[in-house]
PDB file of N, CA and C in Angstrom:
ATOM      1  N   MET A   1     227.238  35.790 103.766  1.00  0.00           N
ATOM      2  CA  MET A   1     228.055  36.082 102.691  1.00  0.00           C
ATOM      3  C   MET A   1     227.360  37.244 101.838  1.00  0.00           C
ATOM      4  N   PRO A   2     228.108  38.199 101.422  1.00  0.00           N
ATOM      5  CA  PRO A   2     227.482  39.273 100.579  1.00  0.00           C
ATOM      6  C   PRO A   2     227.029  38.710  99.307  1.00  0.00           C
ATOM      7  N   LYS A   3     225.950  39.264  98.805  1.00  0.00           N
ATOM      8  CA  LYS A   3     225.389  38.867  97.443  1.00  0.00           C
ATOM      9  C   LYS A   3     226.439  38.932  96.263  1.00  0.00           C
ATOM     10  N   LEU A   4     227.220  39.931  96.328  1.00  0.00           N
ATOM     11  CA  LEU A   4     228.194  40.207  95.190  1.00  0.00           C
ATOM     12  C   LEU A   4     229.319  39.020  95.213  1.00  0.00           C
ATOM     13  N   VAL A   5     229.735  38.722  96.407  1.00  0.00           N
ATOM     14  CA  VAL A   5     230.685  37.710  96.570  1.00  0.00           C
ATOM     15  C   VAL A   5     230.094  36.253  96.227  1.00  0.00           C
ATOM     16  N   ARG A   6     228.819  36.053  96.557  1.00  0.00           N
ATOM     17  CA  ARG A   6     228.214  34.750  96.222  1.00  0.00           C
ATOM     18  C   ARG A   6     227.974  34.740  94.674  1.00  0.00           C
ATOM     19  N   LEU A   7     227.670  35.872  94.070  1.00  0.00           N
ATOM     20  CA  LEU A   7     227.444  35.871  92.667  1.00  0.00           C
ATOM     21  C   LEU A   7     228.746  35.592  91.913  1.00  0.00           C
ATOM     22  N   TYR A   8     229.946  36.238  92.448  1.00  0.00           N
ATOM     23  CA  TYR A   8     231.185  35.922  91.821  1.00  0.00           C
ATOM     24  C   TYR A   8     231.621  34.544  91.950  1.00  0.00           C
ATOM     25  N   ILE A   9     231.449  33.884  93.082  1.00  0.00           N
ATOM     26  CA  ILE A   9     231.880  32.445  93.253  1.00  0.00           C
ATOM     27  C   ILE A   9     231.086  31.587  92.311  1.00  0.00           C
ATOM     28  N   GLN A  10     229.716  31.791  92.276  1.00  0.00           N
ATOM     29  CA  GLN A  10     228.878  30.986  91.320  1.00  0.00           C
ATOM     30  C   GLN A  10     229.372  31.151  89.893  1.00  0.00           C
ATOM     31  N   ASN A  11     229.692  32.379  89.446  1.00  0.00           N
ATOM     32  CA  ASN A  11     230.029  32.526  88.078  1.00  0.00           C
ATOM     33  C   ASN A  11     231.453  32.029  87.806  1.00  0.00           C
ATOM     34  N   VAL A  12     232.297  31.965  88.754  1.00  0.00           N
ATOM     35  CA  VAL A  12     233.583  31.493  88.625  1.00  0.00           C
ATOM     36  C   VAL A  12     233.529  29.949  88.401  1.00  0.00           C
ATOM     37  N   VAL A  13     232.699  29.320  89.269  1.00  0.00           N
ATOM     38  CA  VAL A  13     232.459  27.884  89.171  1.00  0.00           C
ATOM     39  C   VAL A  13     231.836  27.590  87.836  1.00  0.00           C
ATOM     40  N   ILE A  14     230.901  28.314  87.394  1.00  0.00           N
ATOM     41  CA  ILE A  14     230.271  28.050  86.065  1.00  0.00           C
ATOM     42  C   ILE A  14     231.365  28.296  84.891  1.00  0.00           C
ATOM     43  N   GLY A  15     232.182  29.339  85.019  1.00  0.00           N
ATOM     44  CA  GLY A  15     233.176  29.562  84.109  1.00  0.00           C
ATOM     45  C   GLY A  15     234.175  28.345  83.916  1.00  0.00           C
ATOM     46  N   PHE A  16     234.658  27.919  85.108  1.00  0.00           N
ATOM     47  CA  PHE A  16     235.587  26.800  85.092  1.00  0.00           C
ATOM     48  C   PHE A  16     234.909  25.452  84.569  1.00  0.00           C
ATOM     49  N   ALA A  17     233.665  25.336  84.818  1.00  0.00           N
ATOM     50  CA  ALA A  17     232.888  24.105  84.317  1.00  0.00           C
ATOM     51  C   ALA A  17     232.884  24.252  82.772  1.00  0.00           C
ATOM     52  N   ILE A  18     232.609  25.445  82.292  1.00  0.00           N
ATOM     53  CA  ILE A  18     232.544  25.595  80.814  1.00  0.00           C
ATOM     54  C   ILE A  18     233.979  25.447  80.131  1.00  0.00           C
ATOM     55  N   ALA A  19     235.031  25.913  80.934  1.00  0.00           N
ATOM     56  CA  ALA A  19     236.385  25.661  80.454  1.00  0.00           C
ATOM     57  C   ALA A  19     236.686  24.169  80.442  1.00  0.00           C
ATOM     58  N   GLY A  20     236.196  23.436  81.506  1.00  0.00           N
ATOM     59  CA  GLY A  20     236.454  21.917  81.414  1.00  0.00           C
ATOM     60  C   GLY A  20     235.795  21.282  80.308  1.00  0.00           C
ATOM     61  N   ALA A  21     234.518  21.763  79.944  1.00  0.00           N
ATOM     62  CA  ALA A  21     233.827  21.152  78.843  1.00  0.00           C
ATOM     63  C   ALA A  21     234.600  21.514  77.433  1.00  0.00           C
ATOM     64  N   PHE A  22     235.102  22.714  77.424  1.00  0.00           N
ATOM     65  CA  PHE A  22     235.899  23.178  76.234  1.00  0.00           C
ATOM     66  C   PHE A  22     237.101  22.399  76.082  1.00  0.00           C
ATOM     67  N   VAL A  23     237.868  22.213  77.096  1.00  0.00           N
ATOM     68  CA  VAL A  23     239.188  21.460  77.040  1.00  0.00           C
ATOM     69  C   VAL A  23     238.770  20.002  76.743  1.00  0.00           C
ATOM     70  N   GLY A  24     237.727  19.455  77.274  1.00  0.00           N
ATOM     71  CA  GLY A  24     237.340  18.102  76.980  1.00  0.00           C
ATOM     72  C   GLY A  24     236.917  17.918  75.518  1.00  0.00           C
ATOM     73  N   MET A  25     236.275  18.981  74.968  1.00  0.00           N
ATOM     74  CA  MET A  25     236.024  18.796  73.500  1.00  0.00           C
ATOM     75  C   MET A  25     237.253  18.950  72.662  1.00  0.00           C
ATOM     76  N   LEU A  26     238.093  19.769  73.052  1.00  0.00           N
ATOM     77  CA  LEU A  26     239.331  19.933  72.435  1.00  0.00           C
ATOM     78  C   LEU A  26     240.155  18.592  72.244  1.00  0.00           C
ATOM     79  N   LEU A  27     240.154  17.897  73.402  1.00  0.00           N
ATOM     80  CA  LEU A  27     240.817  16.551  73.453  1.00  0.00           C
ATOM     81  C   LEU A  27     239.952  15.542  72.768  1.00  0.00           C
ATOM     82  N   TRP A  28     238.699  15.604  72.892  1.00  0.00           N
ATOM     83  CA  TRP A  28     237.807  14.573  72.200  1.00  0.00           C
ATOM     84  C   TRP A  28     237.796  14.649  70.785  1.00  0.00           C
ATOM     85  N   PHE A  29     237.820  15.800  70.242  1.00  0.00           N
ATOM     86  CA  PHE A  29     237.823  16.024  68.765  1.00  0.00           C
ATOM     87  C   PHE A  29     239.234  16.079  68.197  1.00  0.00           C
ATOM     88  N   ASN A  30     240.229  15.917  69.057  1.00  0.00           N
ATOM     89  CA  ASN A  30     241.712  15.840  68.698  1.00  0.00           C
ATOM     90  C   ASN A  30     242.058  16.994  67.815  1.00  0.00           C
ATOM     91  N   VAL A  31     241.698  18.189  68.306  1.00  0.00           N
ATOM     92  CA  VAL A  31     242.024  19.422  67.526  1.00  0.00           C
ATOM     93  C   VAL A  31     243.473  19.629  67.531  1.00  0.00           C
ATOM     94  N   MET A  32     244.064  19.865  66.312  1.00  0.00           N
ATOM     95  CA  MET A  32     245.521  19.970  66.118  1.00  0.00           C
ATOM     96  C   MET A  32     246.315  18.863  66.766  1.00  0.00           C
ATOM     97  N   ASN A  33     245.780  17.547  66.748  1.00  0.00           N
ATOM     98  CA  ASN A  33     246.346  16.444  67.388  1.00  0.00           C
ATOM     99  C   ASN A  33     246.770  16.564  68.742  1.00  0.00           C
ATOM    100  N   LEU A  34     245.879  17.327  69.487  1.00  0.00           N
ATOM    101  CA  LEU A  34     246.195  17.590  70.904  1.00  0.00           C
ATOM    102  C   LEU A  34     246.102  16.325  71.765  1.00  0.00           C
ATOM    103  N   TRP A  35     245.224  15.447  71.491  1.00  0.00           N
ATOM    104  CA  TRP A  35     245.110  14.205  72.254  1.00  0.00           C
ATOM    105  C   TRP A  35     246.388  13.335  72.185  1.00  0.00           C
ATOM    106  N   HIS A  36     246.867  13.201  70.990  1.00  0.00           N
ATOM    107  CA  HIS A  36     248.093  12.386  70.768  1.00  0.00           C
ATOM    108  C   HIS A  36     249.342  13.145  71.533  1.00  0.00           C
ATOM    109  N   LEU A  37     249.270  14.456  71.467  1.00  0.00           N
ATOM    110  CA  LEU A  37     250.415  15.095  72.183  1.00  0.00           C
ATOM    111  C   LEU A  37     250.361  14.986  73.607  1.00  0.00           C
ATOM    112  N   VAL A  38     249.131  15.052  74.190  1.00  0.00           N
ATOM    113  CA  VAL A  38     248.878  14.979  75.749  1.00  0.00           C
ATOM    114  C   VAL A  38     249.088  13.568  76.146  1.00  0.00           C
ATOM    115  N   SER A  39     248.599  12.629  75.373  1.00  0.00           N
ATOM    116  CA  SER A  39     248.649  11.295  75.858  1.00  0.00           C
ATOM    117  C   SER A  39     250.088  10.566  75.633  1.00  0.00           C
ATOM    118  N   THR A  40     250.923  11.051  74.843  1.00  0.00           N
ATOM    119  CA  THR A  40     252.182  10.418  74.720  1.00  0.00           C
ATOM    120  C   THR A  40     253.369  11.171  75.379  1.00  0.00           C
ATOM    121  N   SER A  41     253.037  12.370  76.054  1.00  0.00           N
ATOM    122  CA  SER A  41     254.072  13.087  76.685  1.00  0.00           C
ATOM    123  C   SER A  41     254.061  12.836  78.114  1.00  0.00           C
ATOM    124  N   ASP A  42     255.250  13.088  78.726  1.00  0.00           N
ATOM    125  CA  ASP A  42     255.420  12.819  80.191  1.00  0.00           C
ATOM    126  C   ASP A  42     254.654  13.901  81.111  1.00  0.00           C
ATOM    127  N   SER A  43     254.656  15.019  80.457  1.00  0.00           N
ATOM    128  CA  SER A  43     253.985  16.186  81.128  1.00  0.00           C
ATOM    129  C   SER A  43     252.650  16.547  80.490  1.00  0.00           C
ATOM    130  N   GLY A  44     251.984  15.499  80.034  1.00  0.00           N
ATOM    131  CA  GLY A  44     250.619  15.773  79.344  1.00  0.00           C
ATOM    132  C   GLY A  44     249.611  16.199  80.339  1.00  0.00           C
ATOM    133  N   LEU A  45     249.554  15.577  81.467  1.00  0.00           N
ATOM    134  CA  LEU A  45     248.615  15.915  82.496  1.00  0.00           C
ATOM    135  C   LEU A  45     248.786  17.379  83.010  1.00  0.00           C
ATOM    136  N   LEU A  46     250.018  17.784  83.143  1.00  0.00           N
ATOM    137  CA  LEU A  46     250.238  19.200  83.436  1.00  0.00           C
ATOM    138  C   LEU A  46     249.880  20.149  82.388  1.00  0.00           C
ATOM    139  N   ALA A  47     250.033  19.786  81.084  1.00  0.00           N
ATOM    140  CA  ALA A  47     249.560  20.677  80.038  1.00  0.00           C
ATOM    141  C   ALA A  47     248.045  20.672  80.022  1.00  0.00           C
ATOM    142  N   VAL A  48     247.305  19.636  80.275  1.00  0.00           N
ATOM    143  CA  VAL A  48     245.924  19.717  80.287  1.00  0.00           C
ATOM    144  C   VAL A  48     245.364  20.506  81.478  1.00  0.00           C
ATOM    145  N   ALA A  49     246.080  20.371  82.609  1.00  0.00           N
ATOM    146  CA  ALA A  49     245.648  21.150  83.825  1.00  0.00           C
ATOM    147  C   ALA A  49     245.926  22.696  83.596  1.00  0.00           C
ATOM    148  N   LEU A  50     247.018  22.981  82.971  1.00  0.00           N
ATOM    149  CA  LEU A  50     247.293  24.427  82.697  1.00  0.00           C
ATOM    150  C   LEU A  50     246.342  24.955  81.641  1.00  0.00           C
ATOM    151  N   LEU A  51     246.060  24.191  80.575  1.00  0.00           N
ATOM    152  CA  LEU A  51     245.105  24.604  79.581  1.00  0.00           C
ATOM    153  C   LEU A  51     243.666  24.831  80.242  1.00  0.00           C
ATOM    154  N   TRP A  52     243.373  23.877  81.042  1.00  0.00           N
ATOM    155  CA  TRP A  52     241.987  24.123  81.737  1.00  0.00           C
ATOM    156  C   TRP A  52     241.943  25.323  82.571  1.00  0.00           C
ATOM    157  N   PHE A  53     243.053  25.504  83.453  1.00  0.00           N
ATOM    158  CA  PHE A  53     243.215  26.621  84.313  1.00  0.00           C
ATOM    159  C   PHE A  53     243.127  28.004  83.677  1.00  0.00           C
ATOM    160  N   MET A  54     244.008  28.087  82.561  1.00  0.00           N
ATOM    161  CA  MET A  54     244.032  29.388  81.874  1.00  0.00           C
ATOM    162  C   MET A  54     242.657  29.657  81.171  1.00  0.00           C
ATOM    163  N   ASN A  55     242.131  28.638  80.513  1.00  0.00           N
ATOM    164  CA  ASN A  55     240.786  28.818  79.933  1.00  0.00           C
ATOM    165  C   ASN A  55     239.737  29.128  81.043  1.00  0.00           C
ATOM    166  N   GLY A  56     239.860  28.464  82.119  1.00  0.00           N
ATOM    167  CA  GLY A  56     238.891  28.719  83.233  1.00  0.00           C
ATOM    168  C   GLY A  56     238.914  30.238  83.722  1.00  0.00           C
ATOM    169  N   ILE A  57     240.200  30.790  83.751  1.00  0.00           N
ATOM    170  CA  ILE A  57     240.267  32.228  84.100  1.00  0.00           C
ATOM    171  C   ILE A  57     239.525  33.086  83.124  1.00  0.00           C
ATOM    172  N   VAL A  58     239.717  32.842  81.834  1.00  0.00           N
ATOM    173  CA  VAL A  58     239.079  33.702  80.781  1.00  0.00           C
ATOM    174  C   VAL A  58     237.580  33.434  80.810  1.00  0.00           C
ATOM    175  N   PHE A  59     237.084  32.080  80.884  1.00  0.00           N
ATOM    176  CA  PHE A  59     235.627  31.987  80.813  1.00  0.00           C
ATOM    177  C   PHE A  59     234.948  32.439  82.120  1.00  0.00           C
ATOM    178  N   ALA A  60     235.611  32.220  83.203  1.00  0.00           N
ATOM    179  CA  ALA A  60     235.102  32.765  84.571  1.00  0.00           C
ATOM    180  C   ALA A  60     234.929  34.287  84.406  1.00  0.00           C
ATOM    181  N   GLY A  61     235.833  35.032  83.848  1.00  0.00           N
ATOM    182  CA  GLY A  61     235.884  36.470  83.724  1.00  0.00           C
ATOM    183  C   GLY A  61     234.634  36.892  82.788  1.00  0.00           C
ATOM    184  N   VAL A  62     234.532  36.115  81.738  1.00  0.00           N
ATOM    185  CA  VAL A  62     233.406  36.516  80.820  1.00  0.00           C
ATOM    186  C   VAL A  62     232.104  36.173  81.350  1.00  0.00           C
ATOM    187  N   GLN A  63     232.068  35.104  82.128  1.00  0.00           N
ATOM    188  CA  GLN A  63     230.762  34.812  82.731  1.00  0.00           C
ATOM    189  C   GLN A  63     230.394  35.742  83.768  1.00  0.00           C
ATOM    190  N   PHE A  64     231.423  36.156  84.643  1.00  0.00           N
ATOM    191  CA  PHE A  64     231.028  37.203  85.655  1.00  0.00           C
ATOM    192  C   PHE A  64     230.635  38.495  85.009  1.00  0.00           C
ATOM    193  N   GLY A  65     231.375  38.950  84.037  1.00  0.00           N
ATOM    194  CA  GLY A  65     231.079  40.108  83.379  1.00  0.00           C
ATOM    195  C   GLY A  65     229.703  40.195  82.765  1.00  0.00           C
ATOM    196  N   TYR A  66     229.261  39.090  82.119  1.00  0.00           N
ATOM    197  CA  TYR A  66     227.923  38.988  81.626  1.00  0.00           C
ATOM    198  C   TYR A  66     226.904  38.979  82.728  1.00  0.00           C
ATOM    199  N   ALA A  67     227.159  38.365  83.789  1.00  0.00           N
ATOM    200  CA  ALA A  67     226.250  38.321  84.859  1.00  0.00           C
ATOM    201  C   ALA A  67     226.013  39.644  85.545  1.00  0.00           C
ATOM    202  N   VAL A  68     227.120  40.437  85.678  1.00  0.00           N
ATOM    203  CA  VAL A  68     227.123  41.717  86.301  1.00  0.00           C
ATOM    204  C   VAL A  68     226.306  42.687  85.332  1.00  0.00           C
ATOM    205  N   MET A  69     226.594  42.668  84.058  1.00  0.00           N
ATOM    206  CA  MET A  69     225.960  43.472  83.058  1.00  0.00           C
ATOM    207  C   MET A  69     224.430  43.231  82.955  1.00  0.00           C
ATOM    208  N   SER A  70     224.196  41.987  83.185  1.00  0.00           N
ATOM    209  CA  SER A  70     222.685  41.723  83.086  1.00  0.00           C
ATOM    210  C   SER A  70     221.904  42.049  84.346  1.00  0.00           C
ATOM    211  N   LEU A  71     222.577  42.488  85.316  1.00  0.00           N
ATOM    212  CA  LEU A  71     221.848  42.918  86.597  1.00  0.00           C
ATOM    213  C   LEU A  71     221.253  44.251  86.448  1.00  0.00           C
ATOM    214  N   ALA A  72     221.534  45.094  85.478  1.00  0.00           N
ATOM    215  CA  ALA A  72     221.147  46.335  85.215  1.00  0.00           C
ATOM    216  C   ALA A  72     219.702  46.315  84.936  1.00  0.00           C
ATOM    217  N   GLY A  73     218.992  47.303  85.412  1.00  0.00           N
ATOM    218  CA  GLY A  73     217.544  47.409  85.233  1.00  0.00           C
ATOM    219  C   GLY A  73     217.269  48.108  83.941  1.00  0.00           C
ATOM    220  N   LYS A  74     215.909  47.947  83.475  1.00  0.00           N
ATOM    221  CA  LYS A  74     215.543  48.383  82.248  1.00  0.00           C
ATOM    222  C   LYS A  74     215.298  49.871  82.288  1.00  0.00           C
ATOM    223  N   ASP A  75     215.959  50.602  81.416  1.00  0.00           N
ATOM    224  CA  ASP A  75     215.785  52.100  81.379  1.00  0.00           C
ATOM    225  C   ASP A  75     214.473  52.344  80.592  1.00  0.00           C
ATOM    226  N   ASP A  76     213.579  53.045  81.297  1.00  0.00           N
ATOM    227  CA  ASP A  76     212.344  53.451  80.581  1.00  0.00           C
ATOM    228  C   ASP A  76     212.287  54.930  80.278  1.00  0.00           C
ATOM    229  N   GLY A  77     213.326  55.576  80.751  1.00  0.00           N
ATOM    230  CA  GLY A  77     213.309  57.030  80.459  1.00  0.00           C
ATOM    231  C   GLY A  77     213.770  57.394  79.081  1.00  0.00           C
ATOM    232  N   PRO A  78     213.973  58.686  78.810  1.00  0.00           N
ATOM    233  CA  PRO A  78     214.555  59.041  77.572  1.00  0.00           C
ATOM    234  C   PRO A  78     215.925  58.607  77.302  1.00  0.00           C
ATOM    235  N   ARG A  79     216.260  58.311  76.068  1.00  0.00           N
ATOM    236  CA  ARG A  79     217.610  57.812  75.715  1.00  0.00           C
ATOM    237  C   ARG A  79     218.199  58.743  74.708  1.00  0.00           C
ATOM    238  N   GLY A  80     219.513  58.913  74.664  1.00  0.00           N
ATOM    239  CA  GLY A  80     220.106  59.721  73.630  1.00  0.00           C
ATOM    240  C   GLY A  80     220.232  61.216  73.987  1.00  0.00           C
ATOM    241  N   GLY A  81     220.546  62.052  73.018  1.00  0.00           N
ATOM    242  CA  GLY A  81     220.662  63.340  73.171  1.00  0.00           C
ATOM    243  C   GLY A  81     219.376  64.162  73.112  1.00  0.00           C
ATOM    244  N   MET A  82     219.413  65.392  72.641  1.00  0.00           N
ATOM    245  CA  MET A  82     218.306  66.206  72.385  1.00  0.00           C
ATOM    246  C   MET A  82     217.556  65.826  71.130  1.00  0.00           C
ATOM    247  N   ARG A  83     216.454  65.321  71.228  1.00  0.00           N
ATOM    248  CA  ARG A  83     215.741  64.848  69.948  1.00  0.00           C
ATOM    249  C   ARG A  83     214.647  65.832  69.694  1.00  0.00           C
ATOM    250  N   ILE A  84     214.487  66.139  68.312  1.00  0.00           N
ATOM    251  CA  ILE A  84     213.406  66.942  67.955  1.00  0.00           C
ATOM    252  C   ILE A  84     212.175  66.240  67.994  1.00  0.00           C
ATOM    253  N   THR A  85     211.168  66.737  68.613  1.00  0.00           N
ATOM    254  CA  THR A  85     209.910  66.071  68.747  1.00  0.00           C
ATOM    255  C   THR A  85     209.179  66.252  67.455  1.00  0.00           C
ATOM    256  N   PRO A  86     208.314  65.280  67.086  1.00  0.00           N
ATOM    257  CA  PRO A  86     207.588  65.383  65.817  1.00  0.00           C
ATOM    258  C   PRO A  86     206.670  66.504  65.588  1.00  0.00           C
ATOM    259  N   ASP A  87     206.226  67.126  66.710  1.00  0.00           N
ATOM    260  CA  ASP A  87     205.246  68.234  66.607  1.00  0.00           C
ATOM    261  C   ASP A  87     205.980  69.559  66.238  1.00  0.00           C
ATOM    262  N   VAL A  88     207.365  69.643  66.367  1.00  0.00           N
ATOM    263  CA  VAL A  88     208.093  70.756  66.036  1.00  0.00           C
ATOM    264  C   VAL A  88     208.634  70.632  64.603  1.00  0.00           C
ATOM    265  N   LYS A  89     208.225  71.543  63.697  1.00  0.00           N
ATOM    266  CA  LYS A  89     208.745  71.346  62.385  1.00  0.00           C
ATOM    267  C   LYS A  89     209.847  72.459  62.209  1.00  0.00           C
ATOM    268  N   ARG A  90     210.958  71.990  61.768  1.00  0.00           N
ATOM    269  CA  ARG A  90     212.072  72.967  61.555  1.00  0.00           C
ATOM    270  C   ARG A  90     212.315  73.018  59.994  1.00  0.00           C
ATOM    271  N   GLU A  91     212.624  74.226  59.556  1.00  0.00           N
ATOM    272  CA  GLU A  91     212.911  74.331  58.240  1.00  0.00           C
ATOM    273  C   GLU A  91     214.367  74.833  58.069  1.00  0.00           C
ATOM    274  N   MET A  92     215.085  74.306  57.111  1.00  0.00           N
ATOM    275  CA  MET A  92     216.501  74.650  56.991  1.00  0.00           C
ATOM    276  C   MET A  92     216.468  75.934  56.077  1.00  0.00           C
ATOM    277  N   ILE A  93     217.072  77.003  56.412  1.00  0.00           N
ATOM    278  CA  ILE A  93     217.152  78.247  55.664  1.00  0.00           C
ATOM    279  C   ILE A  93     218.692  78.476  55.290  1.00  0.00           C
ATOM    280  N   PRO A  94     218.973  78.605  53.987  1.00  0.00           N
ATOM    281  CA  PRO A  94     220.353  78.827  53.572  1.00  0.00           C
ATOM    282  C   PRO A  94     220.775  80.257  53.937  1.00  0.00           C
ATOM    283  N   VAL A  95     222.060  80.447  54.429  1.00  0.00           N
ATOM    284  CA  VAL A  95     222.631  81.568  54.874  1.00  0.00           C
ATOM    285  C   VAL A  95     223.854  81.892  53.995  1.00  0.00           C
ATOM    286  N   ARG A  96     223.872  83.063  53.489  1.00  0.00           N
ATOM    287  CA  ARG A  96     225.065  83.541  52.600  1.00  0.00           C
ATOM    288  C   ARG A  96     226.229  83.910  53.611  1.00  0.00           C
ATOM    289  N   VAL A  97     227.424  83.250  53.364  1.00  0.00           N
ATOM    290  CA  VAL A  97     228.566  83.619  54.165  1.00  0.00           C
ATOM    291  C   VAL A  97     229.583  84.050  53.096  1.00  0.00           C
ATOM    292  N   PRO A  98     230.138  85.297  53.257  1.00  0.00           N
ATOM    293  CA  PRO A  98     231.162  85.713  52.253  1.00  0.00           C
ATOM    294  C   PRO A  98     232.440  85.083  52.469  1.00  0.00           C
ATOM    295  N   ALA A  99     233.091  84.717  51.409  1.00  0.00           N
ATOM    296  CA  ALA A  99     234.402  84.107  51.421  1.00  0.00           C
ATOM    297  C   ALA A  99     235.403  85.189  51.258  1.00  0.00           C
ATOM    298  N   GLU A 100     236.383  85.273  52.294  1.00  0.00           N
ATOM    299  CA  GLU A 100     237.371  86.296  52.220  1.00  0.00           C
ATOM    300  C   GLU A 100     238.749  85.696  51.571  1.00  0.00           C
ATOM    301  N   LYS A 101     239.377  86.581  51.026  1.00  0.00           N
ATOM    302  CA  LYS A 101     240.693  86.101  50.474  1.00  0.00           C
ATOM    303  C   LYS A 101     241.644  85.709  51.617  1.00  0.00           C
ATOM    304  N   ALA A 102     242.470  84.634  51.400  1.00  0.00           N
ATOM    305  CA  ALA A 102     243.361  84.109  52.421  1.00  0.00           C
ATOM    306  C   ALA A 102     244.415  85.260  52.647  1.00  0.00           C
ATOM    307  N   SER A 103     244.855  85.360  53.809  1.00  0.00           N
ATOM    308  CA  SER A 103     245.924  86.414  54.175  1.00  0.00           C
ATOM    309  C   SER A 103     247.311  85.905  53.645  1.00  0.00           C
ATOM    310  N   ARG A 104     247.508  84.599  53.564  1.00  0.00           N
ATOM    311  CA  ARG A 104     248.769  84.074  53.083  1.00  0.00           C
ATOM    312  C   ARG A 104     248.513  83.127  52.097  1.00  0.00           C
ATOM    313  N   GLN A 105     249.350  83.219  51.018  1.00  0.00           N
ATOM    314  CA  GLN A 105     249.221  82.333  49.883  1.00  0.00           C
ATOM    315  C   GLN A 105     250.253  81.203  50.028  1.00  0.00           C
ATOM    316  N   LEU A 106     249.817  80.031  49.596  1.00  0.00           N
ATOM    317  CA  LEU A 106     250.738  78.812  49.720  1.00  0.00           C
ATOM    318  C   LEU A 106     251.699  78.891  48.584  1.00  0.00           C
ATOM    319  N   PRO A 107     252.949  78.419  48.731  1.00  0.00           N
ATOM    320  CA  PRO A 107     254.001  78.413  47.783  1.00  0.00           C
ATOM    321  C   PRO A 107     253.654  77.429  46.698  1.00  0.00           C
ATOM    322  N   ARG A 108     253.924  77.749  45.419  1.00  0.00           N
ATOM    323  CA  ARG A 108     253.768  76.839  44.400  1.00  0.00           C
ATOM    324  C   ARG A 108     254.873  75.869  44.233  1.00  0.00           C
ATOM    325  N   ARG A 109     254.600  74.823  43.723  1.00  0.00           N
ATOM    326  CA  ARG A 109     255.728  73.760  43.448  1.00  0.00           C
ATOM    327  C   ARG A 109     256.188  73.800  42.070  1.00  0.00           C
TER     328      ARG A 109
END
């Protein structure tokens, strides 16, 4: 199995496990009276399954994104644009620029 596919499957499993823990905490702490709604409804199990699945998709995507972005190597080279090195001293010199009269005047109100 290719390494990238293996990495994806591992992170999807981790993401769905985190989503399971998240939904479990939502039910345990009875956030917004969710435990009561789920336990007294006919379709409460379906609601929990959908809540877990949808959160699992989100957490798996975030987990995989984090894993892929952390694969990058450390950049030791120069970063940013053209920087002025400390040994070069630059002095700002004011330059006179003549202001010309506008060719068209704006109407007055």
